[in-house]
């Protein structure tokens, strides 16, 4: 990883120079667009650096990037992988040279891989043990027809468009699976960038728990050499983060393990036997409630597991889990269960009035406090955590950096009750 500092005594690690979206760090537009607009994307007849990429066929740019990559590697002599990766947007160059390559190869990965292969070939004499890492991501995800990566090139295939409720070999993910299959046949060092959270709502039920094992085994079966599982990197509080982190670590070490057995082992060990069994029922219930929904890593409208019936049932289970944890002699168990309860409250607070309406229509029992303000206060209290335990102090709620207080301020007053 880019930031890992694992000493050799503990096994060491492969170190990256750069990690992702390095085009503009390598060729900063504030410094180079003025004198060299031709180094940047031609889009709709104009050179631009806004929501754009580099002109990958430009020979002067290629030589410049070769020198920049060498500079970066000289600065970091312990790095074994250097990232030469597209910006996190679209904006592929449409100039005749780039377009000719992409048209011939049937994908924008054609010009990307031609560019990266050139860089990798030029740095190899000085850095024979370094691999150049690039992406098969969004507009470059589909593999080219004839161009193959050099032996010292890593292709990192990204699953960002997929349905994460289902395994990646499910029909809803057929396009990704086809790309995985083709890349695995043409790439000696295929890596995967996978996504295991909802980046728009870190603290929201995200029922992907049961695909973690099948997906890692799928990657293993297709010869993937490295996997990056991206979760909520903004800080503690991601829904079921502890379960995912532990289970993924187990599976990356040995994919053959029974992932359902791992889930049971973790829940009982981390939350206590009584609470763990109840939380296991919660996971199964929410997974069933989400059936048929396309679970993206950014929430889409209409999630069935966030409707009243599912959230109310989830609330009942977490209340039972809190009761069970309160009887455990280890007070840490209750702290952990209350933190795990946050996603259901988060879902309720954000949908309060529509949930109240559904509750009335169904003549059901409202399982939360009658005051939204009171529930928001409980949410804030749990997020503040316990002094000395930084891992339970929840601050960031999404990838954009939304803070807990920003989320809760709209709940400072109770809405008028509809009769």
Protein backbone atom coordinates (compact mmCIF):
# COMPACT_ATOMS: atom_id res chain seq x y z
CA UNK A 1 0.00 0.00 0.00
CA UNK A 2 0.95 3.64 -0.36
CA UNK A 3 0.94 4.35 3.38
CA UNK A 4 1.80 0.99 4.91
CA UNK A 5 4.90 0.88 7.08
CA UNK A 6 5.09 -2.81 7.90
CA UNK A 7 8.65 -3.66 9.02
CA UNK A 8 10.46 -6.66 7.59
CA UNK A 9 10.31 -8.35 11.00
CA UNK A 10 6.51 -8.47 10.63
CA UNK A 11 6.56 -9.64 7.02
CA UNK A 12 7.15 -6.39 5.17
CA UNK A 13 4.98 -5.20 2.29
CA UNK A 14 5.08 -4.12 -1.31
CA UNK A 15 5.22 -0.33 -1.35
CA UNK A 16 3.55 1.91 -3.90
CA UNK A 17 4.78 5.26 -5.09
CA UNK A 18 1.52 7.05 -5.61
CA UNK A 19 -1.57 4.89 -5.37
CA UNK A 20 -4.43 6.24 -7.45
CA UNK A 21 -5.34 9.00 -9.94
CA UNK A 22 -1.76 10.15 -10.51
CA UNK A 23 -2.05 11.75 -13.97
CA UNK A 24 -2.22 15.30 -12.63
CA UNK A 25 0.25 14.79 -9.78
CA UNK A 26 2.67 13.63 -12.49
CA UNK A 27 1.75 16.43 -14.93
CA UNK A 28 0.22 19.27 -12.85
CA UNK A 29 -1.99 21.39 -15.13
CA UNK A 30 -1.37 24.57 -13.13
CA UNK A 31 2.27 24.27 -14.19
CA UNK A 32 2.13 22.67 -17.61
CA UNK A 33 -1.22 23.39 -19.26
CA UNK A 34 -0.18 26.93 -20.20
CA UNK A 35 2.99 26.02 -22.10
CA UNK A 36 1.75 22.58 -23.21
CA UNK A 37 -2.02 22.43 -23.74
CA UNK A 38 -1.37 19.66 -26.27
CA UNK A 39 -0.43 17.37 -23.37
CA UNK A 40 -4.02 17.35 -22.14
CA UNK A 41 -7.28 15.97 -23.52
CA UNK A 42 -8.81 17.30 -26.69
CA UNK A 43 -12.57 17.31 -25.98
CA UNK A 44 -15.13 18.70 -28.43
CA UNK A 45 -12.37 20.40 -30.38
CA UNK A 46 -10.70 22.12 -27.41
CA UNK A 47 -7.74 21.25 -25.21
CA UNK A 48 -8.77 21.21 -21.56
CA UNK A 49 -7.61 20.03 -18.16
CA UNK A 50 -11.03 20.31 -16.48
CA UNK A 51 -12.71 16.93 -15.97
CA UNK A 52 -10.17 15.58 -18.41
CA UNK A 53 -7.16 13.32 -18.80
CA UNK A 54 -3.83 13.41 -20.64
CA UNK A 55 -3.24 13.14 -24.38
CA UNK A 56 -1.75 9.67 -24.19
CA UNK A 57 -0.48 9.54 -27.76
CA UNK A 58 1.57 12.74 -27.55
CA UNK A 59 5.25 11.73 -27.93
CA UNK A 60 6.64 14.69 -25.95
CA UNK A 61 4.26 13.98 -23.07
CA UNK A 62 5.31 10.34 -23.02
CA UNK A 63 8.98 11.26 -22.68
CA UNK A 64 8.14 13.81 -20.00
CA UNK A 65 6.19 11.24 -17.97
CA UNK A 66 9.04 8.74 -18.30
CA UNK A 67 11.34 11.28 -16.65
CA UNK A 68 8.75 12.14 -13.99
CA UNK A 69 8.27 8.47 -13.11
CA UNK A 70 12.04 8.04 -12.80
CA UNK A 71 12.19 11.07 -10.51
CA UNK A 72 9.45 9.64 -8.30
CA UNK A 73 11.19 6.29 -8.06
CA UNK A 74 14.55 7.86 -7.23
CA UNK A 75 12.81 9.70 -4.41
CA UNK A 76 11.38 6.38 -3.14
CA UNK A 77 13.98 3.68 -3.73
CA UNK A 78 12.02 1.14 -1.65
CA UNK A 79 8.93 1.38 -3.88
CA UNK A 80 8.25 -1.68 -6.01
CA UNK A 81 5.09 -0.39 -7.73
CA UNK A 82 4.47 3.04 -9.22
CA UNK A 83 0.98 4.26 -10.05
CA UNK A 84 0.40 5.75 -13.51
CA UNK A 85 -3.36 6.02 -13.32
CA UNK A 86 -6.15 8.08 -14.86
CA UNK A 87 -7.94 10.90 -13.08
CA UNK A 88 -11.15 10.11 -11.22
CA UNK A 89 -13.42 11.35 -14.00
CA UNK A 90 -14.15 10.75 -17.66
CA UNK A 91 -12.62 13.09 -20.25
CA UNK A 92 -10.61 10.76 -22.47
CA UNK A 93 -8.68 12.51 -25.22
CA UNK A 94 -10.47 12.67 -28.58
CA UNK A 95 -7.52 13.75 -30.71
CA UNK A 96 -7.08 11.79 -33.96
CA UNK A 97 -4.11 9.77 -32.68
CA UNK A 98 -5.74 8.70 -29.39
CA UNK A 99 -9.06 8.07 -31.10
CA UNK A 100 -7.46 5.90 -33.78
CA UNK A 101 -5.95 3.60 -31.14
CA UNK A 102 -9.16 3.40 -29.13
CA UNK A 103 -11.32 2.77 -32.18
CA UNK A 104 -9.04 0.00 -33.37
CA UNK A 105 -8.96 -1.63 -29.91
CA UNK A 106 -12.64 -1.16 -29.13
CA UNK A 107 -11.94 0.56 -25.83
CA UNK A 108 -10.21 3.57 -24.30
CA UNK A 109 -7.96 1.02 -22.59
CA UNK A 110 -6.18 0.83 -25.95
CA UNK A 111 -4.56 4.26 -25.71
CA UNK A 112 -4.13 3.84 -21.93
CA UNK A 113 -2.26 0.57 -22.19
CA UNK A 114 -0.17 1.79 -25.13
CA UNK A 115 0.91 4.75 -23.01
CA UNK A 116 1.61 2.71 -19.86
CA UNK A 117 3.48 0.00 -21.78
CA UNK A 118 5.75 2.71 -23.20
CA UNK A 119 6.49 4.10 -19.73
CA UNK A 120 7.13 0.61 -18.36
CA UNK A 121 9.51 -0.27 -21.18
CA UNK A 122 11.53 2.95 -20.80
CA UNK A 123 12.01 2.70 -17.02
CA UNK A 124 12.79 -1.02 -16.96
CA UNK A 125 16.58 -0.76 -17.53
CA UNK A 126 17.02 1.49 -14.47
CA UNK A 127 14.24 -0.06 -12.38
CA UNK A 128 14.04 -3.75 -13.37
CA UNK A 129 12.20 -4.74 -10.17
CA UNK A 130 9.51 -2.04 -10.37
CA UNK A 131 6.05 -2.60 -11.85
CA UNK A 132 3.92 0.16 -13.37
CA UNK A 133 0.35 0.06 -12.10
CA UNK A 134 -2.59 1.37 -14.11
CA UNK A 135 -6.38 1.11 -13.98
CA UNK A 136 -9.10 -0.68 -15.86
CA UNK A 137 -11.63 1.74 -14.41
CA UNK A 138 -14.92 3.10 -15.72
CA UNK A 139 -14.18 4.22 -19.29
CA UNK A 140 -11.02 2.04 -19.49
CA UNK A 141 -12.51 -1.06 -17.82
CA UNK A 142 -13.20 -2.98 -21.03
CA UNK A 143 -9.99 -4.66 -22.26
CA UNK A 144 -8.43 -3.87 -25.65
CA UNK A 145 -8.63 -6.31 -28.53
CA UNK A 146 -4.94 -6.86 -29.29
CA UNK A 147 -2.70 -4.86 -26.93
CA UNK A 148 -1.47 -6.81 -23.92
CA UNK A 149 0.23 -5.41 -20.80
CA UNK A 150 4.00 -5.82 -20.59
CA UNK A 151 5.28 -8.23 -17.91
CA UNK A 152 6.19 -5.25 -15.69
CA UNK A 153 2.69 -3.71 -15.91
CA UNK A 154 -0.06 -4.26 -13.34
CA UNK A 155 -3.66 -3.71 -14.42
CA UNK A 156 -6.02 -2.92 -11.53
CA UNK A 157 -9.55 -3.85 -12.54
CA UNK A 158 -12.18 -1.80 -10.67
CA UNK A 159 -15.66 -3.08 -9.84
CA UNK A 160 -17.28 0.30 -9.09
CA UNK A 161 -20.30 -0.17 -11.38
CA UNK A 162 -21.33 -3.53 -9.91
CA UNK A 163 -24.27 -4.81 -7.89
CA UNK A 164 -22.73 -5.59 -4.51
CA UNK A 165 -25.70 -7.42 -3.08
CA UNK A 166 -24.94 -10.26 -5.46
CA UNK A 167 -21.67 -12.09 -6.13
CA UNK A 168 -19.70 -10.73 -9.05
CA UNK A 169 -20.50 -13.83 -11.10
CA UNK A 170 -24.25 -13.09 -10.79
CA UNK A 171 -26.09 -12.21 -14.04
CA UNK A 172 -26.50 -8.59 -12.86
CA UNK A 173 -22.69 -8.32 -12.99
CA UNK A 174 -22.22 -10.10 -16.30
CA UNK A 175 -20.37 -7.23 -18.00
CA UNK A 176 -17.81 -7.01 -15.20
CA UNK A 177 -17.33 -10.76 -15.15
CA UNK A 178 -16.65 -10.76 -18.90
CA UNK A 179 -14.00 -8.06 -18.43
CA UNK A 180 -12.44 -9.97 -15.51
CA UNK A 181 -12.24 -13.10 -17.63
CA UNK A 182 -10.59 -11.33 -20.57
CA UNK A 183 -8.13 -9.33 -18.48
CA UNK A 184 -7.14 -12.51 -16.63
CA UNK A 185 -6.22 -14.14 -19.93
CA UNK A 186 -4.04 -11.26 -21.12
CA UNK A 187 -2.51 -9.79 -17.94
CA UNK A 188 0.32 -11.47 -16.04
CA UNK A 189 -0.26 -9.32 -12.96
CA UNK A 190 -3.95 -8.60 -12.59
CA UNK A 191 -5.05 -6.74 -9.45
CA UNK A 192 -8.58 -5.83 -8.37
CA UNK A 193 -9.94 -2.71 -6.69
CA UNK A 194 -13.16 -3.79 -5.00
CA UNK A 195 -15.69 -1.73 -3.00
CA UNK A 196 -17.27 -2.83 0.27
CA UNK A 197 -19.20 0.17 1.60
CA UNK A 198 -21.75 2.80 0.58
CA UNK A 199 -19.59 5.86 0.01
CA UNK A 200 -22.55 8.23 0.12
CA UNK A 201 -23.68 6.86 3.49
CA UNK A 202 -20.99 5.08 5.48
CA UNK A 203 -23.42 4.61 8.40
CA UNK A 204 -26.32 2.93 6.63
CA UNK A 205 -27.24 -0.75 6.29
CA UNK A 206 -25.34 -2.08 3.28
CA UNK A 207 -26.20 -5.77 2.86
CA UNK A 208 -23.15 -6.98 0.96
CA UNK A 209 -21.94 -9.13 3.87
CA UNK A 210 -22.57 -12.46 2.17
CA UNK A 211 -20.69 -11.80 -1.08
CA UNK A 212 -17.28 -11.14 0.45
CA UNK A 213 -16.22 -14.78 0.43
CA UNK A 214 -17.61 -15.72 -3.00
CA UNK A 215 -15.99 -12.66 -4.58
CA UNK A 216 -12.53 -13.32 -3.17
CA UNK A 217 -12.73 -16.93 -4.31
CA UNK A 218 -13.81 -15.71 -7.75
CA UNK A 219 -10.76 -13.45 -7.94
CA UNK A 220 -8.55 -16.33 -6.84
CA UNK A 221 -10.03 -18.60 -9.50
CA UNK A 222 -9.25 -16.04 -12.22
CA UNK A 223 -5.63 -15.71 -11.13
CA UNK A 224 -5.86 -12.26 -9.56
CA UNK A 225 -2.57 -11.46 -7.80
CA UNK A 226 -3.61 -8.57 -5.56
CA UNK A 227 -6.86 -7.27 -4.07
CA UNK A 228 -7.64 -3.87 -2.56
CA UNK A 229 -10.93 -3.82 -0.64
CA UNK A 230 -11.95 -0.16 -0.22
CA UNK A 231 -14.11 0.60 2.78
CA UNK A 232 -14.92 3.78 4.68
CA UNK A 233 -11.48 5.34 4.89
CA UNK A 234 -12.71 8.56 6.52
CA UNK A 235 -12.70 7.17 10.05
CA UNK A 236 -14.54 4.85 12.45
CA UNK A 237 -18.26 4.16 12.30
CA UNK A 238 -18.85 2.43 8.98
CA UNK A 239 -21.74 -0.01 9.21
CA UNK A 240 -20.41 -3.44 10.31
CA UNK A 241 -16.86 -2.23 9.60
CA UNK A 242 -15.30 -4.51 12.20
CA UNK A 243 -16.99 -7.60 10.73
CA UNK A 244 -15.91 -6.75 7.19
CA UNK A 245 -12.32 -5.92 8.16
CA UNK A 246 -11.82 -9.12 10.14
CA UNK A 247 -13.56 -11.39 7.67
CA UNK A 248 -11.78 -9.91 4.64
CA UNK A 249 -8.42 -10.31 6.39
CA UNK A 250 -9.26 -13.97 7.06
CA UNK A 251 -10.40 -14.59 3.49
CA UNK A 252 -7.45 -12.84 1.85
CA UNK A 253 -5.17 -15.09 3.90
CA UNK A 254 -7.16 -18.24 3.04
CA UNK A 255 -10.06 -17.89 0.57
CA UNK A 256 -11.14 -21.49 1.15
CA UNK A 257 -12.55 -20.74 4.59
CA UNK A 258 -16.31 -20.94 5.10
CA UNK A 259 -17.30 -17.25 5.11
CA UNK A 260 -20.66 -17.91 6.80
CA UNK A 261 -18.85 -19.73 9.60
CA UNK A 262 -16.43 -16.80 9.86
CA UNK A 263 -19.36 -14.40 10.18
CA UNK A 264 -20.86 -16.46 13.00
CA UNK A 265 -17.49 -16.73 14.75
CA UNK A 266 -16.92 -12.99 14.62
CA UNK A 267 -20.40 -11.97 15.74
CA UNK A 268 -20.33 -14.26 18.77
CA UNK A 269 -16.78 -13.30 19.70
CA UNK A 270 -17.11 -9.56 19.19
CA UNK A 271 -20.63 -8.87 20.47
CA UNK A 272 -21.05 -11.82 22.84
CA UNK A 273 -22.91 -15.07 22.30
CA UNK A 274 -26.45 -13.84 22.93
CA UNK A 275 -26.13 -10.54 21.06
CA UNK A 276 -24.11 -12.15 18.26
CA UNK A 277 -26.85 -14.66 17.50
CA UNK A 278 -29.42 -11.86 17.29
CA UNK A 279 -27.22 -9.73 15.03
CA UNK A 280 -26.76 -12.75 12.77
CA UNK A 281 -30.55 -12.86 12.41
CA UNK A 282 -30.48 -9.14 11.61
CA UNK A 283 -27.96 -9.67 8.78
CA UNK A 284 -30.05 -12.46 7.28
CA UNK A 285 -33.27 -10.44 7.55
CA UNK A 286 -31.80 -7.34 5.87
CA UNK A 287 -30.21 -9.42 3.15
CA UNK A 288 -33.58 -11.02 2.41
CA UNK A 289 -35.28 -7.61 2.47
CA UNK A 290 -32.87 -6.29 -0.18
CA UNK A 291 -33.63 -9.10 -2.65
CA UNK A 292 -33.79 -7.85 -6.23
CA UNK A 293 -32.25 -4.46 -5.40
CA UNK A 294 -29.17 -3.24 -7.29
CA UNK A 295 -26.88 -2.42 -4.35
CA UNK A 296 -24.38 0.08 -5.71
CA UNK A 297 -21.54 1.58 -3.67
CA UNK A 298 -23.44 4.87 -3.86
CA UNK A 299 -27.05 4.51 -2.68
CA UNK A 300 -29.76 4.40 -5.31
CA UNK A 301 -33.43 5.26 -4.71
CA UNK A 302 -35.95 2.65 -3.69
CA UNK A 303 -33.87 0.42 -1.41
CA UNK A 304 -36.40 -2.10 -0.03
CA UNK A 305 -34.30 -2.85 3.06
CA UNK A 306 -34.71 0.80 4.10
CA UNK A 307 -38.51 0.73 4.06
CA UNK A 308 -40.58 0.76 7.23
CA UNK A 309 -41.19 -2.95 7.60
CA UNK A 310 -37.50 -3.88 7.29
CA UNK A 311 -36.15 -1.02 9.40
CA UNK A 312 -38.76 -1.61 12.12
CA UNK A 313 -37.86 -5.31 12.27
CA UNK A 314 -34.16 -4.34 12.35
CA UNK A 315 -34.81 -1.96 15.24
CA UNK A 316 -36.49 -4.72 17.22
CA UNK A 317 -33.53 -7.03 16.72
CA UNK A 318 -30.97 -4.42 17.75
CA UNK A 319 -32.99 -3.64 20.87
CA UNK A 320 -32.88 -7.33 21.74
CA UNK A 321 -29.13 -7.37 21.03
CA UNK A 322 -28.58 -4.42 23.38
CA UNK A 323 -30.55 -6.21 26.08
CA UNK A 324 -28.46 -9.36 25.64
CA UNK A 325 -25.20 -7.40 25.66
CA UNK A 326 -26.20 -5.57 28.83
CA UNK A 327 -26.17 -8.95 30.61
CA UNK A 328 -22.64 -9.77 29.45
CA UNK A 329 -20.01 -9.39 32.19
CA UNK A 330 -17.76 -7.54 29.72
CA UNK A 331 -19.07 -3.93 29.43
CA UNK A 332 -17.22 -3.58 26.12
CA UNK A 333 -19.84 -5.78 24.45
CA UNK A 334 -22.65 -3.27 25.01
CA UNK A 335 -20.49 -0.43 23.67
CA UNK A 336 -19.91 -2.43 20.49
CA UNK A 337 -23.57 -3.33 20.06
CA UNK A 338 -24.68 0.29 20.48
CA UNK A 339 -22.20 1.34 17.81
CA UNK A 340 -23.58 -1.38 15.54
CA UNK A 341 -27.11 -0.07 16.18
CA UNK A 342 -26.31 3.34 14.64
CA UNK A 343 -27.06 2.39 10.99
CA UNK A 344 -30.71 1.59 11.76
CA UNK A 345 -31.13 4.93 13.56
CA UNK A 346 -29.37 6.68 10.69
CA UNK A 347 -31.82 5.15 8.24
CA UNK A 348 -34.77 6.12 10.42
CA UNK A 349 -33.70 9.74 11.00
CA UNK A 350 -33.20 10.37 7.31
CA UNK A 351 -36.61 8.94 6.40
CA UNK A 352 -38.60 9.90 9.50
CA UNK A 353 -41.76 11.37 8.01
CA UNK A 354 -42.16 8.77 5.24
CA UNK A 355 -41.62 5.98 7.79
CA UNK A 356 -44.20 7.53 10.15
CA UNK A 357 -46.68 7.65 7.27
CA UNK A 358 -46.09 3.99 6.39
CA UNK A 359 -46.44 3.02 10.05
CA UNK A 360 -49.86 4.69 10.21
CA UNK A 361 -50.97 3.16 6.91
CA UNK A 362 -50.02 -0.31 8.11
CA UNK A 363 -51.53 0.26 11.57
CA UNK A 364 -48.17 -0.90 12.95
CA UNK A 365 -46.31 -0.19 16.16
CA UNK A 366 -43.67 2.56 15.99
CA UNK A 367 -40.48 1.02 17.45
CA UNK A 368 -38.46 4.22 17.88
CA UNK A 369 -39.02 7.15 20.26
CA UNK A 370 -41.95 9.36 19.30
CA UNK A 371 -39.57 12.33 19.24
CA UNK A 372 -37.14 12.53 16.34
CA UNK A 373 -35.15 15.07 18.35
CA UNK A 374 -34.73 12.53 21.13
CA UNK A 375 -33.50 9.84 18.72
CA UNK A 376 -31.06 12.34 17.20
CA UNK A 377 -29.75 13.01 20.69
CA UNK A 378 -29.17 9.31 21.29
CA UNK A 379 -27.43 9.04 17.90
CA UNK A 380 -25.12 11.93 18.84
CA UNK A 381 -24.36 10.40 22.23
CA UNK A 382 -23.28 7.08 20.73
CA UNK A 383 -21.21 8.83 18.06
CA UNK A 384 -19.31 10.73 20.75
CA UNK A 385 -18.11 7.40 22.08
CA UNK A 386 -16.26 6.77 25.31
CA UNK A 387 -13.17 8.76 26.38
CA UNK A 388 -10.00 6.90 25.53
CA UNK A 389 -11.61 4.72 22.87
CA UNK A 390 -10.94 6.57 19.63
CA UNK A 391 -12.19 3.68 17.51
CA UNK A 392 -15.83 4.36 18.49
CA UNK A 393 -15.83 8.14 18.05
CA UNK A 394 -17.84 8.53 14.85
CA UNK A 395 -17.23 11.81 13.03
CA UNK A 396 -17.47 11.31 9.25
CA UNK A 397 -20.62 9.97 7.61
CA UNK A 398 -19.71 9.84 3.93
CA UNK A 399 -16.88 10.15 1.44
CA UNK A 400 -17.60 13.85 1.03
CA UNK A 401 -16.68 14.39 4.69
CA UNK A 402 -20.15 15.12 6.09
CA UNK A 403 -19.88 15.47 9.87
CA UNK A 404 -22.27 14.04 12.44
CA UNK A 405 -23.39 17.50 13.61
CA UNK A 406 -24.13 18.56 10.01
CA UNK A 407 -26.40 15.55 9.66
CA UNK A 408 -28.17 16.06 12.99
CA UNK A 409 -28.76 19.81 12.84
CA UNK A 410 -31.91 19.40 10.73
CA UNK A 411 -33.38 17.27 13.51
CA UNK A 412 -33.02 19.91 16.24
CA UNK A 413 -36.81 20.31 16.29
CA UNK A 414 -39.51 17.71 15.91
CA UNK A 415 -41.64 17.97 12.75
CA UNK A 416 -45.36 18.62 13.23
CA UNK A 417 -47.22 15.35 13.55
CA UNK A 418 -49.57 14.54 10.67
CA UNK A 419 -52.96 13.32 11.87
